[in-house]
Protein backbone atom coordinates (compact mmCIF):
# COMPACT_ATOMS: atom_id res chain seq x y z
CA UNK A 1 104.84 117.68 82.87
CA UNK A 2 101.51 115.83 82.88
CA UNK A 3 99.53 116.25 86.09
CA UNK A 4 99.80 112.95 87.99
CA UNK A 5 96.33 113.29 89.51
CA UNK A 6 94.66 113.41 86.09
CA UNK A 7 96.44 110.24 85.07
CA UNK A 8 95.35 108.43 88.23
CA UNK A 9 91.76 109.52 87.89
CA UNK A 10 91.61 108.36 84.29
CA UNK A 11 93.41 105.05 84.81
CA UNK A 12 92.05 103.96 88.15
CA UNK A 13 88.74 105.77 88.31
CA UNK A 14 89.68 107.14 91.73
CA UNK A 15 88.74 110.62 92.83
CA UNK A 16 90.89 111.80 95.70
CA UNK A 17 89.18 114.32 97.95
CA UNK A 18 90.70 117.76 97.76
CA UNK A 19 93.00 116.90 94.85
CA UNK A 20 94.12 119.84 92.77
CA UNK A 21 96.15 119.99 89.56
CA UNK A 22 99.81 120.73 90.11
CA UNK A 23 101.47 121.57 86.79
CA UNK A 24 105.15 122.37 86.52
CA UNK A 25 104.39 126.07 86.29
CA UNK A 26 103.11 125.98 89.89
CA UNK A 27 106.67 125.69 91.18
CA UNK A 28 107.44 128.58 93.51
CA UNK A 29 110.24 130.74 92.03
CA UNK A 30 112.00 131.04 95.41
CA UNK A 31 112.53 127.27 95.39
CA UNK A 32 113.97 127.10 91.89
CA UNK A 33 117.75 127.08 91.49
CA UNK A 34 119.70 128.80 88.76
CA UNK A 35 122.02 127.06 86.33
CA UNK A 36 122.41 123.31 86.43
CA UNK A 37 121.89 122.84 90.18
CA UNK A 38 118.84 120.94 91.42
CA UNK A 39 116.00 123.00 92.82
CA UNK A 40 115.65 120.66 95.78
CA UNK A 41 117.92 118.03 97.33
CA UNK A 42 116.13 115.37 99.38
CA UNK A 43 118.47 113.49 101.70
CA UNK A 44 117.08 110.04 102.47
CA UNK A 45 115.05 107.76 100.18
CA UNK A 46 112.95 106.00 102.81
CA UNK A 47 109.24 106.35 103.49
CA UNK A 48 109.39 110.10 104.12
CA UNK A 49 112.17 111.08 101.73
CA UNK A 50 111.27 108.80 98.84
CA UNK A 51 107.66 109.92 98.64
CA UNK A 52 108.62 113.57 99.14
CA UNK A 53 111.12 113.44 96.29
CA UNK A 54 108.56 111.85 93.98
CA UNK A 55 105.85 114.37 94.87
CA UNK A 56 108.17 117.34 94.37
CA UNK A 57 109.33 116.01 91.02
CA UNK A 58 105.72 115.61 89.91
CA UNK A 59 105.14 119.23 90.83
CA UNK A 60 107.78 120.26 88.34
CA UNK A 61 110.89 120.74 90.47
CA UNK A 62 114.34 119.52 89.52
CA UNK A 63 114.98 117.08 92.38
CA UNK A 64 118.06 115.16 93.47
CA UNK A 65 117.41 112.24 95.85
CA UNK A 66 120.43 111.11 97.89
CA UNK A 67 120.63 108.02 100.07
CA UNK A 68 123.74 106.59 101.64
CA UNK A 69 122.77 102.91 101.16
CA UNK A 70 119.95 102.97 98.60
CA UNK A 71 116.16 102.58 98.82
CA UNK A 72 114.89 99.70 100.99
CA UNK A 73 118.35 98.78 102.20
CA UNK A 74 118.40 96.51 105.29
CA UNK A 75 119.53 99.33 107.60
CA UNK A 76 116.56 101.56 106.75
CA UNK A 77 113.50 101.94 108.95
CA UNK A 78 111.39 101.38 105.81
CA UNK A 79 113.13 98.09 104.99
CA UNK A 80 111.52 94.70 105.50
CA UNK A 81 109.09 92.75 103.41
CA UNK A 82 105.86 94.06 104.90
CA UNK A 83 104.34 96.89 106.89
CA UNK A 84 100.73 97.49 107.82
CA UNK A 85 98.33 100.36 107.42
CA UNK A 86 95.62 100.78 110.01
CA UNK A 87 93.25 103.44 111.29
CA UNK A 88 93.18 102.19 114.88
CA UNK A 89 95.35 104.60 116.87
CA UNK A 90 93.72 104.58 120.26
CA UNK A 91 93.03 108.18 121.25
CA UNK A 92 95.23 109.67 118.48
CA UNK A 93 92.38 110.58 116.16
CA UNK A 94 94.52 112.79 113.93
CA UNK A 95 96.48 109.76 112.72
CA UNK A 96 93.28 107.77 112.21
CA UNK A 97 92.07 110.44 109.80
CA UNK A 98 95.49 110.56 108.14
CA UNK A 99 95.50 106.78 107.66
CA UNK A 100 92.17 106.94 105.83
CA UNK A 101 93.60 109.50 103.40
CA UNK A 102 96.86 107.59 103.09
CA UNK A 103 95.13 104.34 102.18
CA UNK A 104 93.33 106.08 99.32
CA UNK A 105 96.66 107.35 98.04
CA UNK A 106 98.26 103.91 98.39
CA UNK A 107 95.47 102.41 96.27
CA UNK A 108 95.78 105.17 93.69
CA UNK A 109 99.54 104.78 93.48
CA UNK A 110 99.18 101.02 93.19
CA UNK A 111 96.96 101.55 90.15
CA UNK A 112 99.48 103.97 88.66
CA UNK A 113 102.48 101.72 89.30
CA UNK A 114 100.72 98.64 87.93
CA UNK A 115 102.08 96.48 90.76
CA UNK A 116 100.18 94.93 93.64
CA UNK A 117 101.51 96.47 96.84
CA UNK A 118 98.42 96.72 99.05
CA UNK A 119 96.69 93.65 100.51
CA UNK A 120 93.46 94.62 102.33
CA UNK A 121 92.49 92.53 105.32
CA UNK A 122 90.75 92.59 108.67
CA UNK A 123 92.78 93.84 111.63
CA UNK A 124 91.78 92.58 115.05
CA UNK A 125 92.81 94.02 118.40
CA UNK A 126 92.63 91.42 121.15
CA UNK A 127 91.65 92.63 124.62
CA UNK A 128 90.49 91.34 127.98
CA UNK A 129 89.03 94.69 129.06
CA UNK A 130 88.08 98.07 127.64
CA UNK A 131 91.32 100.02 127.84
CA UNK A 132 91.00 103.84 127.68
CA UNK A 133 92.63 103.86 124.24
CA UNK A 134 90.09 101.41 122.86
CA UNK A 135 87.21 103.43 124.30
CA UNK A 136 88.56 106.56 122.62
CA UNK A 137 89.24 104.66 119.40
CA UNK A 138 85.67 103.43 119.18
CA UNK A 139 84.36 106.99 119.36
CA UNK A 140 86.86 108.13 116.73
CA UNK A 141 85.73 105.36 114.37
CA UNK A 142 82.12 106.41 114.94
CA UNK A 143 82.98 110.06 114.24
CA UNK A 144 84.89 109.14 111.07
CA UNK A 145 82.17 106.66 110.05
CA UNK A 146 84.70 103.85 109.73
CA UNK A 147 83.24 100.33 109.75
CA UNK A 148 84.23 98.11 112.69
CA UNK A 149 82.94 95.20 114.73
CA UNK A 150 83.19 94.20 118.37
CA UNK A 151 83.23 90.41 118.62
CA UNK A 152 83.12 88.47 121.88
CA UNK A 153 85.15 85.33 122.49
CA UNK A 154 82.56 82.78 121.19
CA UNK A 155 82.15 84.74 117.95
CA UNK A 156 85.90 85.06 117.49
CA UNK A 157 86.32 81.30 117.78
CA UNK A 158 83.81 80.78 115.00
CA UNK A 159 85.24 83.40 112.63
CA UNK A 160 88.93 82.71 113.23
CA UNK A 161 89.13 79.07 114.34
CA UNK A 162 92.89 78.94 113.70
CA UNK A 163 93.51 81.22 116.72
CA UNK A 164 93.29 80.52 120.44
CA UNK A 165 91.17 83.10 122.27
CA UNK A 166 91.10 81.55 125.76
CA UNK A 167 92.44 84.73 127.37
CA UNK A 168 90.49 87.12 125.12
CA UNK A 169 87.21 88.74 126.15
CA UNK A 170 86.59 90.63 122.90
CA UNK A 171 88.28 92.03 119.80
CA UNK A 172 87.96 95.38 118.05
CA UNK A 173 87.92 94.59 114.32
CA UNK A 174 88.72 97.06 111.54
CA UNK A 175 86.83 96.08 108.41
CA UNK A 176 87.85 98.37 105.54
CA UNK A 177 90.66 100.60 106.83
CA UNK A 178 93.50 98.11 107.25
CA UNK A 179 95.92 96.39 104.90
CA UNK A 180 99.34 94.79 104.64
CA UNK A 181 101.78 96.59 102.33
CA UNK A 182 104.85 95.21 100.59
CA UNK A 183 107.27 97.68 102.12
CA UNK A 184 110.62 96.90 100.51
CA UNK A 185 109.08 96.56 97.06
CA UNK A 186 107.11 99.77 97.50
CA UNK A 187 110.17 101.87 98.30
CA UNK A 188 112.08 100.42 95.36
CA UNK A 189 109.29 101.21 92.92
CA UNK A 190 108.87 104.74 94.34
CA UNK A 191 112.52 105.45 93.55
CA UNK A 192 112.22 103.84 90.12
CA UNK A 193 109.18 105.93 89.21
CA UNK A 194 110.85 109.06 90.55
CA UNK A 195 113.78 108.48 88.21
CA UNK A 196 111.55 107.61 85.24
CA UNK A 197 109.81 110.94 85.74
CA UNK A 198 113.08 112.81 85.49
CA UNK A 199 114.32 112.80 89.07
CA UNK A 200 117.99 112.13 89.75
CA UNK A 201 119.13 109.58 92.34
CA UNK A 202 122.59 109.25 93.84
CA UNK A 203 124.10 106.95 96.48
CA UNK A 204 126.20 109.03 98.88
CA UNK A 205 126.32 110.10 102.50
CA UNK A 206 125.19 113.74 102.64
CA UNK A 207 125.77 116.05 105.57
CA UNK A 208 124.90 119.69 106.16
CA UNK A 209 127.31 121.85 104.17
CA UNK A 210 128.30 125.51 103.94
CA UNK A 211 125.86 128.32 104.60
CA UNK A 212 125.46 132.01 103.86
CA UNK A 213 123.53 133.64 106.65
CA UNK A 214 120.26 131.78 107.12
CA UNK A 215 120.55 129.81 103.90
CA UNK A 216 122.41 126.54 103.48
CA UNK A 217 124.15 126.65 100.14
CA UNK A 218 125.13 122.99 99.72
CA UNK A 219 125.32 119.53 101.23
CA UNK A 220 128.71 117.89 101.53
CA UNK A 221 129.10 114.30 100.32
CA UNK A 222 131.43 111.63 101.67
CA UNK A 223 133.68 111.92 98.60
CA UNK A 224 134.20 115.62 99.23
CA UNK A 225 131.76 116.90 96.62
CA UNK A 226 129.47 119.79 97.51
CA UNK A 227 126.00 119.77 95.94
CA UNK A 228 124.17 123.07 95.86
CA UNK A 229 120.42 123.65 95.66
CA UNK A 230 117.80 126.24 96.50
CA UNK A 231 116.11 124.02 99.12
CA UNK A 232 117.12 120.98 101.15
CA UNK A 233 114.98 118.31 102.80
CA UNK A 234 116.57 116.00 105.35
CA UNK A 235 114.39 112.90 105.76
CA UNK A 236 117.08 110.81 107.41
CA UNK A 237 115.03 108.54 109.67
CA UNK A 238 117.28 106.88 112.28
CA UNK A 239 120.21 108.95 111.04
CA UNK A 240 118.58 112.26 112.01
CA UNK A 241 120.48 112.46 115.33
CA UNK A 242 123.75 111.94 113.46
CA UNK A 243 123.03 114.52 110.77
CA UNK A 244 121.82 117.19 113.19
CA UNK A 245 123.13 116.11 116.61
CA UNK A 246 122.49 119.43 118.32
CA UNK A 247 118.78 119.70 117.50
CA UNK A 248 117.70 116.11 116.72
CA UNK A 249 119.64 113.92 119.16
CA UNK A 250 117.62 115.25 122.12
CA UNK A 251 114.33 114.79 120.25
CA UNK A 252 114.66 111.39 118.59
CA UNK A 253 115.40 108.00 120.10
CA UNK A 254 116.55 105.19 117.80
CA UNK A 255 115.43 101.76 119.00
CA UNK A 256 115.39 98.20 117.70
CA UNK A 257 112.31 96.25 116.64
CA UNK A 258 112.45 92.53 115.83
CA UNK A 259 110.06 90.28 113.99
CA UNK A 260 110.03 86.67 112.92
CA UNK A 261 108.41 84.61 110.16
CA UNK A 262 107.06 81.16 111.04
CA UNK A 263 106.58 78.62 108.25
CA UNK A 264 102.93 77.71 107.77
CA UNK A 265 101.85 74.04 107.46
CA UNK A 266 101.95 72.64 103.91
CA UNK A 267 98.73 73.06 101.96
CA UNK A 268 97.12 74.98 104.84
CA UNK A 269 95.95 78.52 104.06
CA UNK A 270 94.42 79.32 107.45
CA UNK A 271 97.47 81.33 108.52
CA UNK A 272 98.00 83.17 105.23
CA UNK A 273 96.53 86.31 103.73
CA UNK A 274 93.61 86.89 103.38
CA UNK A 275 92.21 84.24 105.76
CA UNK A 276 94.51 85.20 108.62
CA UNK A 277 93.84 88.77 109.78
CA UNK A 278 96.46 91.17 111.00
CA UNK A 279 96.31 91.41 114.77
CA UNK A 280 97.48 93.45 117.73
CA UNK A 281 97.54 91.80 121.14
CA UNK A 282 96.71 94.09 124.07
CA UNK A 283 96.98 91.12 126.45
CA UNK A 284 100.30 89.44 125.62
CA UNK A 285 101.81 92.28 123.59
CA UNK A 286 103.11 92.40 120.05
CA UNK A 287 101.47 92.30 116.65
CA UNK A 288 101.51 90.24 113.47
CA UNK A 289 100.21 89.57 109.95
CA UNK A 290 99.10 86.53 108.04
CA UNK A 291 101.66 84.95 105.76
CA UNK A 292 102.27 86.92 102.57
CA UNK A 293 104.86 84.80 100.75
CA UNK A 294 107.25 84.73 103.74
CA UNK A 295 105.40 83.06 106.66
CA UNK A 296 103.25 84.08 109.62
CA UNK A 297 104.80 87.29 110.94
CA UNK A 298 104.91 88.18 114.62
CA UNK A 299 106.80 90.95 116.40
CA UNK A 300 107.02 90.53 120.17
CA UNK A 301 106.90 93.56 122.45
CA UNK A 302 110.37 95.13 122.48
CA UNK A 303 111.06 94.71 126.21
CA UNK A 304 111.48 98.44 126.86
CA UNK A 305 113.28 99.43 123.68
CA UNK A 306 116.95 98.75 123.00
CA UNK A 307 118.82 101.66 121.44
CA UNK A 308 121.14 100.97 118.53
CA UNK A 309 123.35 102.61 115.96
CA UNK A 310 121.75 102.32 112.49
CA UNK A 311 125.14 102.03 110.78
CA UNK A 312 126.99 99.51 112.95
CA UNK A 313 124.35 97.40 114.74
CA UNK A 314 124.09 93.79 113.61
CA UNK A 315 120.64 92.51 112.70
CA UNK A 316 120.85 89.13 114.43
CA UNK A 317 117.81 88.02 116.45
CA UNK A 318 117.75 88.31 120.23
CA UNK A 319 117.42 84.79 121.71
CA UNK A 320 115.02 85.96 124.43
CA UNK A 321 112.67 87.66 121.95
CA UNK A 322 112.85 84.64 119.66
CA UNK A 323 111.78 82.37 122.54
CA UNK A 324 109.00 84.78 123.56
CA UNK A 325 107.78 84.78 119.96
CA UNK A 326 107.94 81.00 119.62
CA UNK A 327 106.02 80.51 122.87
CA UNK A 328 103.45 83.07 121.80
CA UNK A 329 102.85 81.59 118.35
CA UNK A 330 102.51 78.12 119.84
CA UNK A 331 99.94 79.39 122.31
CA UNK A 332 97.94 81.73 120.05
CA UNK A 333 98.11 79.42 116.99
CA UNK A 334 98.01 75.84 118.34
CA UNK A 335 98.39 74.21 114.92
CA UNK A 336 101.71 76.06 114.51
CA UNK A 337 103.21 74.99 117.82
CA UNK A 338 106.09 73.18 116.08
CA UNK A 339 106.43 75.56 113.11
CA UNK A 340 109.98 76.53 112.15
CA UNK A 341 111.23 80.10 112.02
CA UNK A 342 112.07 80.75 108.37
CA UNK A 343 113.38 84.30 108.55
CA UNK A 344 114.12 87.04 111.07
CA UNK A 345 114.39 90.82 110.76
CA UNK A 346 115.58 93.61 113.03
CA UNK A 347 114.88 97.19 112.04
CA UNK A 348 115.39 100.69 113.42
CA UNK A 349 112.66 102.96 114.67
CA UNK A 350 113.30 106.64 115.24
CA UNK A 351 110.65 107.96 117.60
CA UNK A 352 109.92 111.34 119.12
CA UNK A 353 108.95 111.44 122.77
CA UNK A 354 105.23 111.87 122.03
CA UNK A 355 105.20 109.69 118.88
CA UNK A 356 104.26 112.68 116.70
CA UNK A 357 106.21 113.27 113.50
CA UNK A 358 108.75 116.07 113.29
CA UNK A 359 108.19 118.05 110.09
CA UNK A 360 109.51 121.55 110.37
CA UNK A 361 111.96 124.10 109.04
CA UNK A 362 115.46 123.90 110.51
CA UNK A 363 115.70 126.59 113.21
CA UNK A 364 118.93 127.97 111.73
CA UNK A 365 118.15 127.84 108.01
CA UNK A 366 115.19 129.20 106.07
CA UNK A 367 115.70 126.81 103.15
CA UNK A 368 116.21 123.55 105.10
CA UNK A 369 113.39 121.22 106.13
CA UNK A 370 113.49 118.21 108.46
CA UNK A 371 111.09 115.24 108.23
CA UNK A 372 111.69 112.70 110.97
CA UNK A 373 110.15 110.83 113.90
CA UNK A 374 108.38 108.17 111.84
CA UNK A 375 108.45 105.70 114.73
CA UNK A 376 106.53 102.51 114.16
CA UNK A 377 103.79 104.13 112.10
CA UNK A 378 105.43 106.54 109.67
CA UNK A 379 105.64 104.11 106.75
CA UNK A 380 101.89 103.77 106.31
CA UNK A 381 101.54 107.54 105.83
CA UNK A 382 104.31 107.78 103.22
CA UNK A 383 102.32 109.02 100.19
CA UNK A 384 100.46 111.52 102.34
CA UNK A 385 103.68 112.73 103.96
CA UNK A 386 105.06 113.40 100.48
CA UNK A 387 102.15 115.69 99.68
CA UNK A 388 102.22 117.32 103.10
CA UNK A 389 105.96 118.11 103.01
CA UNK A 390 105.70 119.43 99.46
CA UNK A 391 102.89 121.77 100.49
CA UNK A 392 104.93 123.02 103.45
CA UNK A 393 107.97 123.69 101.28
CA UNK A 394 105.91 125.57 98.72
CA UNK A 395 104.17 127.65 101.38
CA UNK A 396 100.76 126.25 100.54
CA UNK A 397 98.03 125.61 103.12
CA UNK A 398 98.14 121.96 104.15
CA UNK A 399 95.14 119.64 104.29
CA UNK A 400 95.51 119.49 108.09
CA UNK A 401 96.60 122.84 109.61
CA UNK A 402 96.34 121.39 113.13
CA UNK A 403 99.14 118.97 112.27
CA UNK A 404 101.46 121.87 111.46
CA UNK A 405 101.67 122.72 115.18
CA UNK A 406 101.94 119.06 116.27
CA UNK A 407 104.92 118.55 113.99
CA UNK A 408 106.88 121.66 115.03
CA UNK A 409 110.32 120.89 116.42
CA UNK A 410 109.63 123.06 119.46
CA UNK A 411 106.42 121.15 120.21
CA UNK A 412 108.42 117.99 120.99
CA UNK A 413 109.85 117.41 124.43
CA UNK A 414 113.41 116.22 124.74
CA UNK A 415 113.69 112.47 125.26
CA UNK A 416 115.69 113.13 128.45
CA UNK A 417 112.77 115.01 129.93
CA UNK A 418 110.27 112.19 129.53
CA UNK A 419 112.41 109.07 129.66
CA UNK A 420 111.58 106.18 127.38
CA UNK A 421 109.29 106.72 124.42
CA UNK A 422 107.72 103.29 124.88
């Protein structure tokens, strides 16, 4: 199998820091299955599972990807037209550094796939005072040498005249480390490329199957089939508490997030990418992006987080949130006061109590890995998560050893112990 990194370097002229060749022969024998069984079964084809399956296939493993509804299906946390990538994480500097690496991988993959998925833009955080998270974030950006600006209200009015800043004192502006990503399209192409490179994909509901001592021997499918493998990865997103209720239900809370698309005025590009920046509002709450084919996107604050079942919950908009969003858009974007809502979305978020990811070996099985807790920010790290999980499975040192401890299952408090994850 041709080393993917060599292809990217040649085609895109991009040198990824720390990249090392990973030929098929590098596959660890303990992970390889005998006979016709796959070496690795990855359950879930969302942001964590899809990228992990692709990375493992590129490393030479025989990989089966299983998803109960298919990549980018409307129930998935990675569904939806767009997601953002940002480096502004308040005091969580680890994720700022991860986002920088992830954006490089997104750009490299975009070059490899030959499809535009990443749309760089400014990201502005609106504030009326220096919150502790913004103070910490500024230092992190300085330490990472990431470009940013601090613009006061008069300067904001000049640069972004389409927005109303009457209640804003200043904005923290990311200059080169933010972008809007076509989420649904990205997850579809990841699965397509995985299959073109020899990976196998199957639509089925997979649950933990039989075991022999500390090794799971198979997953059981909804049609009664049992699929064996040497190693299993469960990247089930909002379904993690259903797949492993004993260990994951206490750790992960599944909540609902809604967003709306407002139709921009005809012939007016002020509210569309790239003129309209992505924004996060520390004053009124919520976040949004400029129109990228669909309309101006805004997601109001979730009002405390409503839990929902990822299988049975309807995705109809909440009237209260729709009114909050309409009032907000009319206030923050005066020229769009009477704009119609063109589309609505409601997605799942599965969040750990401390918003860290959960990437760890199953406590009962030596050959089972869990990747969960993506929350509202897991999608942006997808390509990097794929590499990280693959390294963990193969027993290789990861690029961020400190994260290994953060992501341990035992490092996460139970949701009951801390209350809401909001």
